[in-house]
Amino acid sequence: MKLSNKILLVTGILVLVAITYTVIGFKKVVSQGKSNKINNKGKIDSLLNAKIETKNYSLKDFKKIKFNIDGRVLIKQKDSWKVEISAPEKIFATEYTQVRKEKNILSIKTPLIGEGNRNSKIYISITLPKLEEIKVQSRTKLQLKNFEQKNMEVNVLGECLLEGSNNKIENLLLQSHGENRISFSRSEIKNANVKGFGKNQISINMAGGILQGSLGGAGVLIYSGEVKKVNVDTFGGTKVISE
């Protein structure tokens, strides 16, 4: 066998292995997230029809955030910390609702009740001086606004809608697995490292740096603005498009 054919064969095997491990990991994380899912329609109706209540949490000094919710979230950069949740009052009483801080990580978990990320009655508002990392799981509608900082890491899993607006980030690490729609088209991202697998739709406005990463599945990455170099490996039906 010719050397070139051997190289192609090895490359093909490595790609298949990467896809296999990605799918296994994706399924494993999704299955872990089902622990707070409610399927009983009567119980869901009882939760959602309760009176809306707003709670404020005296939590601060966190730089990282983890979500596992079906709801809407707004996160803004400000000089002070604020955590506010509005939801039907029975949501707060369930064993599935958790709001806690461990070291520098804020973790929020609510029942997964199938309301999705558009019409959910769960609304979360957070402010903080600096957001180093955010992990989002399930069907969250998330807005990131007004962040100006050197580094940010974003990890998204499930069927999330994420919109970043008026942000200026020097180095963005974005990882997306599932069927997520992520837009940083109204932000300025100097360098972006994008990784993921699935049917993701990702758009990024570049500000003169390097766009790199690895994407698989049947998604699309659209970039605009000024870019110094593009080096994104793709496998499956994923496309990288300049706008």
C-alpha atoms as a PDB file:
ATOM      1  CA  MET A   1       0.000   0.000   0.000  1.00  0.00           C
ATOM      2  CA  LYS A   2       1.286   3.451  -0.915  1.00  0.00           C
ATOM      3  CA  LEU A   3       2.287   5.820   1.856  1.00  0.00           C
ATOM      4  CA  SER A   4      -0.368   8.365   0.811  1.00  0.00           C
ATOM      5  CA  ASN A   5      -3.093   5.695   1.010  1.00  0.00           C
ATOM      6  CA  LYS A   6      -1.864   4.614   4.438  1.00  0.00           C
ATOM      7  CA  ILE A   7      -2.046   8.201   5.653  1.00  0.00           C
ATOM      8  CA  LEU A   8      -5.625   8.554   4.354  1.00  0.00           C
ATOM      9  CA  LEU A   9      -6.618   5.268   5.992  1.00  0.00           C
ATOM     10  CA  VAL A  10      -5.156   6.251   9.362  1.00  0.00           C
ATOM     11  CA  THR A  11      -6.785   9.677   9.141  1.00  0.00           C
ATOM     12  CA  GLY A  12     -10.169   8.083   8.397  1.00  0.00           C
ATOM     13  CA  ILE A  13      -9.843   5.719  11.359  1.00  0.00           C
ATOM     14  CA  LEU A  14      -8.927   8.587  13.700  1.00  0.00           C
ATOM     15  CA  VAL A  15     -11.949  10.605  12.538  1.00  0.00           C
ATOM     16  CA  LEU A  16     -14.273   7.634  13.160  1.00  0.00           C
ATOM     17  CA  VAL A  17     -12.797   7.137  16.624  1.00  0.00           C
ATOM     18  CA  ALA A  18     -13.253  10.834  17.398  1.00  0.00           C
ATOM     19  CA  ILE A  19     -16.894  10.732  16.275  1.00  0.00           C
ATOM     20  CA  THR A  20     -17.568   7.591  18.326  1.00  0.00           C
ATOM     21  CA  TYR A  21     -16.110   9.038  21.527  1.00  0.00           C
ATOM     22  CA  THR A  22     -17.902  12.352  21.013  1.00  0.00           C
ATOM     23  CA  VAL A  23     -21.282  10.659  20.562  1.00  0.00           C
ATOM     24  CA  ILE A  24     -20.710   8.442  23.609  1.00  0.00           C
ATOM     25  CA  GLY A  25     -19.731  11.430  25.716  1.00  0.00           C
ATOM     26  CA  PHE A  26     -22.703  13.443  24.464  1.00  0.00           C
ATOM     27  CA  LYS A  27     -25.169  10.648  25.318  1.00  0.00           C
ATOM     28  CA  LYS A  28     -23.589  10.178  28.736  1.00  0.00           C
ATOM     29  CA  VAL A  29     -23.927  13.839  29.700  1.00  0.00           C
ATOM     30  CA  VAL A  30     -27.498  14.022  28.362  1.00  0.00           C
ATOM     31  CA  SER A  31     -28.499  10.968  30.377  1.00  0.00           C
ATOM     32  CA  GLN A  32     -27.013  12.549  33.505  1.00  0.00           C
ATOM     33  CA  GLY A  33     -29.161  15.625  32.934  1.00  0.00           C
ATOM     34  CA  LYS A  34     -32.412  13.638  32.948  1.00  0.00           C
ATOM     35  CA  SER A  35     -32.375  13.265  36.744  1.00  0.00           C
ATOM     36  CA  ASN A  36     -34.323  16.526  37.181  1.00  0.00           C
ATOM     37  CA  LYS A  37     -36.807  15.911  34.362  1.00  0.00           C
ATOM     38  CA  ILE A  38     -40.528  15.768  35.177  1.00  0.00           C
ATOM     39  CA  ASN A  39     -42.775  13.836  32.785  1.00  0.00           C
ATOM     40  CA  ASN A  40     -46.069  13.809  34.679  1.00  0.00           C
ATOM     41  CA  LYS A  41     -48.380  16.308  32.930  1.00  0.00           C
ATOM     42  CA  GLY A  42     -50.535  16.863  36.005  1.00  0.00           C
ATOM     43  CA  LYS A  43     -47.500  17.694  38.112  1.00  0.00           C
ATOM     44  CA  ILE A  44     -46.136  19.992  35.398  1.00  0.00           C
ATOM     45  CA  ASP A  45     -49.439  21.892  35.170  1.00  0.00           C
ATOM     46  CA  SER A  46     -49.535  22.246  38.938  1.00  0.00           C
ATOM     47  CA  LEU A  47     -46.031  23.698  38.981  1.00  0.00           C
ATOM     48  CA  LEU A  48     -46.556  26.126  36.106  1.00  0.00           C
ATOM     49  CA  ASN A  49     -49.949  27.442  37.221  1.00  0.00           C
ATOM     50  CA  ALA A  50     -48.669  28.581  40.593  1.00  0.00           C
ATOM     51  CA  LYS A  51     -48.178  32.267  41.406  1.00  0.00           C
ATOM     52  CA  ILE A  52     -44.961  33.842  40.119  1.00  0.00           C
ATOM     53  CA  GLU A  53     -42.420  34.583  42.841  1.00  0.00           C
ATOM     54  CA  THR A  54     -39.109  36.449  42.662  1.00  0.00           C
ATOM     55  CA  LYS A  55     -36.161  35.552  44.876  1.00  0.00           C
ATOM     56  CA  ASN A  56     -32.818  37.285  45.328  1.00  0.00           C
ATOM     57  CA  TYR A  57     -29.788  35.312  46.484  1.00  0.00           C
ATOM     58  CA  SER A  58     -26.929  36.847  48.463  1.00  0.00           C
ATOM     59  CA  LEU A  59     -24.177  35.130  46.496  1.00  0.00           C
ATOM     60  CA  LYS A  60     -20.996  36.793  45.299  1.00  0.00           C
ATOM     61  CA  ASP A  61     -17.345  36.243  44.397  1.00  0.00           C
ATOM     62  CA  PHE A  62     -18.152  33.713  41.670  1.00  0.00           C
ATOM     63  CA  LYS A  63     -16.445  33.761  38.262  1.00  0.00           C
ATOM     64  CA  LYS A  64     -17.949  30.606  36.756  1.00  0.00           C
ATOM     65  CA  ILE A  65     -21.587  29.600  36.213  1.00  0.00           C
ATOM     66  CA  LYS A  66     -23.292  26.239  35.581  1.00  0.00           C
ATOM     67  CA  PHE A  67     -26.920  25.864  34.446  1.00  0.00           C
ATOM     68  CA  ASN A  68     -29.186  22.849  34.022  1.00  0.00           C
ATOM     69  CA  ILE A  69     -32.579  24.417  33.395  1.00  0.00           C
ATOM     70  CA  ASP A  70     -35.455  24.911  30.970  1.00  0.00           C
ATOM     71  CA  GLY A  71     -35.628  28.671  31.137  1.00  0.00           C
ATOM     72  CA  ARG A  72     -34.433  32.114  30.114  1.00  0.00           C
ATOM     73  CA  VAL A  73     -31.247  33.671  31.435  1.00  0.00           C
ATOM     74  CA  LEU A  74     -29.750  37.151  31.154  1.00  0.00           C
ATOM     75  CA  ILE A  75     -26.142  37.664  32.271  1.00  0.00           C
ATOM     76  CA  LYS A  76     -24.523  41.110  32.243  1.00  0.00           C
ATOM     77  CA  GLN A  77     -21.140  42.425  33.240  1.00  0.00           C
ATOM     78  CA  LYS A  78     -21.359  44.897  36.107  1.00  0.00           C
ATOM     79  CA  ASP A  79     -19.209  45.893  39.067  1.00  0.00           C
ATOM     80  CA  SER A  80     -21.347  43.960  41.563  1.00  0.00           C
ATOM     81  CA  TRP A  81     -22.879  40.481  41.876  1.00  0.00           C
ATOM     82  CA  LYS A  82     -26.611  39.834  41.644  1.00  0.00           C
ATOM     83  CA  VAL A  83     -28.604  36.597  41.344  1.00  0.00           C
ATOM     84  CA  GLU A  84     -32.353  36.935  40.852  1.00  0.00           C
ATOM     85  CA  ILE A  85     -34.800  34.192  39.860  1.00  0.00           C
ATOM     86  CA  SER A  86     -38.472  34.598  38.940  1.00  0.00           C
ATOM     87  CA  ALA A  87     -40.547  31.431  38.660  1.00  0.00           C
ATOM     88  CA  PRO A  88     -43.825  29.842  39.766  1.00  0.00           C
ATOM     89  CA  GLU A  89     -43.558  29.545  43.563  1.00  0.00           C
ATOM     90  CA  LYS A  90     -43.931  25.754  43.502  1.00  0.00           C
ATOM     91  CA  ILE A  91     -40.777  25.504  41.378  1.00  0.00           C
ATOM     92  CA  PHE A  92     -38.730  26.768  44.328  1.00  0.00           C
ATOM     93  CA  ALA A  93     -40.255  24.116  46.605  1.00  0.00           C
ATOM     94  CA  THR A  94     -39.304  21.115  44.467  1.00  0.00           C
ATOM     95  CA  GLU A  95     -36.334  18.924  45.311  1.00  0.00           C
ATOM     96  CA  TYR A  96     -35.000  19.583  41.794  1.00  0.00           C
ATOM     97  CA  THR A  97     -34.368  23.290  42.326  1.00  0.00           C
ATOM     98  CA  GLN A  98     -30.883  24.082  43.594  1.00  0.00           C
ATOM     99  CA  VAL A  99     -29.041  27.394  43.797  1.00  0.00           C
ATOM    100  CA  ARG A 100     -25.622  27.201  45.375  1.00  0.00           C
ATOM    101  CA  LYS A 101     -22.067  28.486  45.228  1.00  0.00           C
ATOM    102  CA  GLU A 102     -19.022  26.290  45.658  1.00  0.00           C
ATOM    103  CA  LYS A 103     -15.698  28.113  45.668  1.00  0.00           C
ATOM    104  CA  ASN A 104     -15.939  30.432  42.630  1.00  0.00           C
ATOM    105  CA  ILE A 105     -18.702  28.499  40.819  1.00  0.00           C
ATOM    106  CA  LEU A 106     -22.398  29.432  40.846  1.00  0.00           C
ATOM    107  CA  SER A 107     -24.612  26.423  40.087  1.00  0.00           C
ATOM    108  CA  ILE A 108     -28.328  26.675  39.253  1.00  0.00           C
ATOM    109  CA  LYS A 109     -30.602  23.705  38.585  1.00  0.00           C
ATOM    110  CA  THR A 110     -34.379  23.631  38.108  1.00  0.00           C
ATOM    111  CA  PRO A 111     -36.922  21.009  37.041  1.00  0.00           C
ATOM    112  CA  LEU A 112     -36.857  20.148  33.338  1.00  0.00           C
ATOM    113  CA  ILE A 113     -40.534  20.466  32.528  1.00  0.00           C
ATOM    114  CA  GLY A 114     -40.546  20.569  28.752  1.00  0.00           C
ATOM    115  CA  GLU A 115     -41.415  24.243  28.447  1.00  0.00           C
ATOM    116  CA  GLY A 116     -38.337  24.842  26.342  1.00  0.00           C
ATOM    117  CA  ASN A 117     -36.279  27.986  26.077  1.00  0.00           C
ATOM    118  CA  ARG A 118     -38.823  30.314  24.485  1.00  0.00           C
ATOM    119  CA  ASN A 119     -41.940  30.113  26.648  1.00  0.00           C
ATOM    120  CA  SER A 120     -40.566  29.059  30.010  1.00  0.00           C
ATOM    121  CA  LYS A 121     -41.857  30.795  33.124  1.00  0.00           C
ATOM    122  CA  ILE A 122     -38.422  30.497  34.722  1.00  0.00           C
ATOM    123  CA  TYR A 123     -36.378  33.693  34.310  1.00  0.00           C
ATOM    124  CA  ILE A 124     -32.910  34.256  35.778  1.00  0.00           C
ATOM    125  CA  SER A 125     -30.990  37.538  35.891  1.00  0.00           C
ATOM    126  CA  ILE A 126     -27.325  37.614  36.906  1.00  0.00           C
ATOM    127  CA  THR A 127     -24.666  40.311  37.041  1.00  0.00           C
ATOM    128  CA  LEU A 128     -20.981  39.877  37.884  1.00  0.00           C
ATOM    129  CA  PRO A 129     -17.680  41.697  37.268  1.00  0.00           C
ATOM    130  CA  LYS A 130     -15.997  38.876  35.315  1.00  0.00           C
ATOM    131  CA  LEU A 131     -17.219  35.651  33.693  1.00  0.00           C
ATOM    132  CA  GLU A 132     -14.401  33.170  33.148  1.00  0.00           C
ATOM    133  CA  GLU A 133     -16.500  30.130  32.246  1.00  0.00           C
ATOM    134  CA  ILE A 134     -20.128  29.195  31.681  1.00  0.00           C
ATOM    135  CA  LYS A 135     -21.626  25.725  31.236  1.00  0.00           C
ATOM    136  CA  VAL A 136     -25.170  25.433  29.934  1.00  0.00           C
ATOM    137  CA  GLN A 137     -27.171  22.220  29.660  1.00  0.00           C
ATOM    138  CA  SER A 138     -30.725  21.481  28.483  1.00  0.00           C
ATOM    139  CA  ARG A 139     -32.999  23.988  26.683  1.00  0.00           C
ATOM    140  CA  THR A 140     -31.873  27.356  27.956  1.00  0.00           C
ATOM    141  CA  LYS A 141     -32.296  30.689  26.219  1.00  0.00           C
ATOM    142  CA  LEU A 142     -29.219  32.631  27.296  1.00  0.00           C
ATOM    143  CA  GLN A 143     -28.151  36.214  26.678  1.00  0.00           C
ATOM    144  CA  LEU A 144     -24.615  37.420  27.422  1.00  0.00           C
ATOM    145  CA  LYS A 145     -24.274  41.209  27.383  1.00  0.00           C
ATOM    146  CA  ASN A 146     -21.644  43.898  27.805  1.00  0.00           C
ATOM    147  CA  PHE A 147     -18.652  41.720  28.699  1.00  0.00           C
ATOM    148  CA  GLU A 148     -15.248  43.210  27.952  1.00  0.00           C
ATOM    149  CA  GLN A 149     -12.456  40.886  29.025  1.00  0.00           C
ATOM    150  CA  LYS A 150      -9.443  38.898  27.874  1.00  0.00           C
ATOM    151  CA  ASN A 151     -10.647  35.275  28.164  1.00  0.00           C
ATOM    152  CA  MET A 152     -13.995  33.485  28.245  1.00  0.00           C
ATOM    153  CA  GLU A 153     -14.948  29.811  27.988  1.00  0.00           C
ATOM    154  CA  VAL A 154     -18.467  28.793  26.909  1.00  0.00           C
ATOM    155  CA  ASN A 155     -19.692  25.171  27.025  1.00  0.00           C
ATOM    156  CA  VAL A 156     -23.152  24.429  25.628  1.00  0.00           C
ATOM    157  CA  LEU A 157     -24.983  21.099  25.579  1.00  0.00           C
ATOM    158  CA  GLY A 158     -28.497  20.283  24.393  1.00  0.00           C
ATOM    159  CA  GLU A 159     -30.869  22.577  22.496  1.00  0.00           C
ATOM    160  CA  CYS A 160     -29.817  26.000  23.681  1.00  0.00           C
ATOM    161  CA  LEU A 161     -30.243  29.444  22.210  1.00  0.00           C
ATOM    162  CA  LEU A 162     -27.303  31.682  23.087  1.00  0.00           C
ATOM    163  CA  GLU A 163     -26.899  35.265  21.985  1.00  0.00           C
ATOM    164  CA  GLY A 164     -23.896  37.373  22.868  1.00  0.00           C
ATOM    165  CA  SER A 165     -24.300  41.095  22.249  1.00  0.00           C
ATOM    166  CA  ASN A 166     -22.059  44.094  22.840  1.00  0.00           C
ATOM    167  CA  ASN A 167     -19.197  41.908  24.083  1.00  0.00           C
ATOM    168  CA  LYS A 168     -15.475  42.467  23.411  1.00  0.00           C
ATOM    169  CA  ILE A 169     -13.534  39.283  24.091  1.00  0.00           C
ATOM    170  CA  GLU A 170      -9.911  38.732  23.171  1.00  0.00           C
ATOM    171  CA  ASN A 171      -9.908  34.917  23.436  1.00  0.00           C
ATOM    172  CA  LEU A 172     -13.103  32.875  23.251  1.00  0.00           C
ATOM    173  CA  LEU A 173     -13.174  29.106  23.718  1.00  0.00           C
ATOM    174  CA  LEU A 174     -16.574  27.838  22.541  1.00  0.00           C
ATOM    175  CA  GLN A 175     -17.632  24.195  22.846  1.00  0.00           C
ATOM    176  CA  SER A 176     -21.048  23.141  21.564  1.00  0.00           C
ATOM    177  CA  HIS A 177     -22.615  19.666  21.483  1.00  0.00           C
ATOM    178  CA  GLY A 178     -26.180  19.002  20.366  1.00  0.00           C
ATOM    179  CA  GLU A 179     -28.547  21.193  18.348  1.00  0.00           C
ATOM    180  CA  ASN A 180     -27.608  24.606  19.661  1.00  0.00           C
ATOM    181  CA  ARG A 181     -27.961  28.003  18.049  1.00  0.00           C
ATOM    182  CA  ILE A 182     -25.174  30.303  19.159  1.00  0.00           C
ATOM    183  CA  SER A 183     -24.577  33.841  17.944  1.00  0.00           C
ATOM    184  CA  PHE A 184     -21.735  36.216  18.714  1.00  0.00           C
ATOM    185  CA  SER A 185     -22.445  38.155  15.524  1.00  0.00           C
ATOM    186  CA  ARG A 186     -23.174  41.312  17.528  1.00  0.00           C
ATOM    187  CA  SER A 187     -19.966  41.066  19.531  1.00  0.00           C
ATOM    188  CA  GLU A 188     -16.279  41.553  18.764  1.00  0.00           C
ATOM    189  CA  ILE A 189     -14.223  38.375  19.169  1.00  0.00           C
ATOM    190  CA  LYS A 190     -10.514  38.710  18.404  1.00  0.00           C
ATOM    191  CA  ASN A 191      -9.512  35.020  18.629  1.00  0.00           C
ATOM    192  CA  ALA A 192     -11.996  32.137  18.657  1.00  0.00           C
ATOM    193  CA  ASN A 193     -11.422  28.432  19.239  1.00  0.00           C
ATOM    194  CA  VAL A 194     -14.630  26.569  18.316  1.00  0.00           C
ATOM    195  CA  LYS A 195     -15.129  22.877  19.047  1.00  0.00           C
ATOM    196  CA  GLY A 196     -18.170  20.651  18.924  1.00  0.00           C
ATOM    197  CA  PHE A 197     -20.319  17.943  17.424  1.00  0.00           C
ATOM    198  CA  GLY A 198     -23.935  17.868  16.323  1.00  0.00           C
ATOM    199  CA  LYS A 199     -26.340  20.048  14.407  1.00  0.00           C
ATOM    200  CA  ASN A 200     -25.021  23.355  15.690  1.00  0.00           C
ATOM    201  CA  GLN A 201     -25.566  26.746  14.110  1.00  0.00           C
ATOM    202  CA  ILE A 202     -22.798  29.123  15.189  1.00  0.00           C
ATOM    203  CA  SER A 203     -22.065  32.670  14.060  1.00  0.00           C
ATOM    204  CA  ILE A 204     -19.130  34.820  15.182  1.00  0.00           C
ATOM    205  CA  ASN A 205     -18.031  38.346  14.358  1.00  0.00           C
ATOM    206  CA  MET A 206     -14.230  38.309  14.284  1.00  0.00           C
ATOM    207  CA  ALA A 207     -12.086  41.299  15.215  1.00  0.00           C
ATOM    208  CA  GLY A 208      -8.786  40.646  13.449  1.00  0.00           C
ATOM    209  CA  GLY A 209      -7.482  37.479  15.069  1.00  0.00           C
ATOM    210  CA  ILE A 210      -7.446  33.716  14.458  1.00  0.00           C
ATOM    211  CA  LEU A 211     -10.476  31.456  14.030  1.00  0.00           C
ATOM    212  CA  GLN A 212      -9.609  27.845  14.757  1.00  0.00           C
ATOM    213  CA  GLY A 213     -11.134  24.637  16.051  1.00  0.00           C
ATOM    214  CA  SER A 214     -12.709  21.317  15.144  1.00  0.00           C
ATOM    215  CA  LEU A 215     -16.382  20.696  14.301  1.00  0.00           C
ATOM    216  CA  GLY A 216     -18.266  17.562  13.316  1.00  0.00           C
ATOM    217  CA  GLY A 217     -21.826  16.569  12.531  1.00  0.00           C
ATOM    218  CA  ALA A 218     -24.209  18.472  10.297  1.00  0.00           C
ATOM    219  CA  GLY A 219     -23.863  22.023  11.536  1.00  0.00           C
ATOM    220  CA  VAL A 220     -22.621  25.320  10.195  1.00  0.00           C
ATOM    221  CA  LEU A 221     -20.129  27.936  11.402  1.00  0.00           C
ATOM    222  CA  ILE A 222     -20.566  31.401   9.895  1.00  0.00           C
ATOM    223  CA  TYR A 223     -17.960  34.076  10.529  1.00  0.00           C
ATOM    224  CA  SER A 224     -17.870  37.760   9.600  1.00  0.00           C
ATOM    225  CA  GLY A 225     -15.638  40.748  10.265  1.00  0.00           C
ATOM    226  CA  GLU A 226     -11.856  40.784   9.948  1.00  0.00           C
ATOM    227  CA  VAL A 227      -9.923  37.556  10.397  1.00  0.00           C
ATOM    228  CA  LYS A 228      -6.171  36.972  10.242  1.00  0.00           C
ATOM    229  CA  LYS A 229      -6.302  33.208   9.755  1.00  0.00           C
ATOM    230  CA  VAL A 230      -8.922  30.428   9.581  1.00  0.00           C
ATOM    231  CA  ASN A 231      -7.958  26.922  10.630  1.00  0.00           C
ATOM    232  CA  VAL A 232     -11.096  24.906  11.442  1.00  0.00           C
ATOM    233  CA  ASP A 233     -11.081  21.143  10.891  1.00  0.00           C
ATOM    234  CA  THR A 234     -14.465  19.688   9.904  1.00  0.00           C
ATOM    235  CA  PHE A 235     -15.854  16.186   9.505  1.00  0.00           C
ATOM    236  CA  GLY A 236     -19.305  14.984   8.578  1.00  0.00           C
ATOM    237  CA  GLY A 237     -21.487  17.569   6.888  1.00  0.00           C
ATOM    238  CA  THR A 238     -20.331  20.594   8.874  1.00  0.00           C
ATOM    239  CA  LYS A 239     -19.672  23.753   6.848  1.00  0.00           C
ATOM    240  CA  VAL A 240     -17.556  26.833   7.546  1.00  0.00           C
ATOM    241  CA  ILE A 241     -18.824  29.926   5.710  1.00  0.00           C
ATOM    242  CA  SER A 242     -17.462  33.459   5.399  1.00  0.00           C
ATOM    243  CA  GLU A 243     -20.191  36.109   5.419  1.00  0.00           C
END
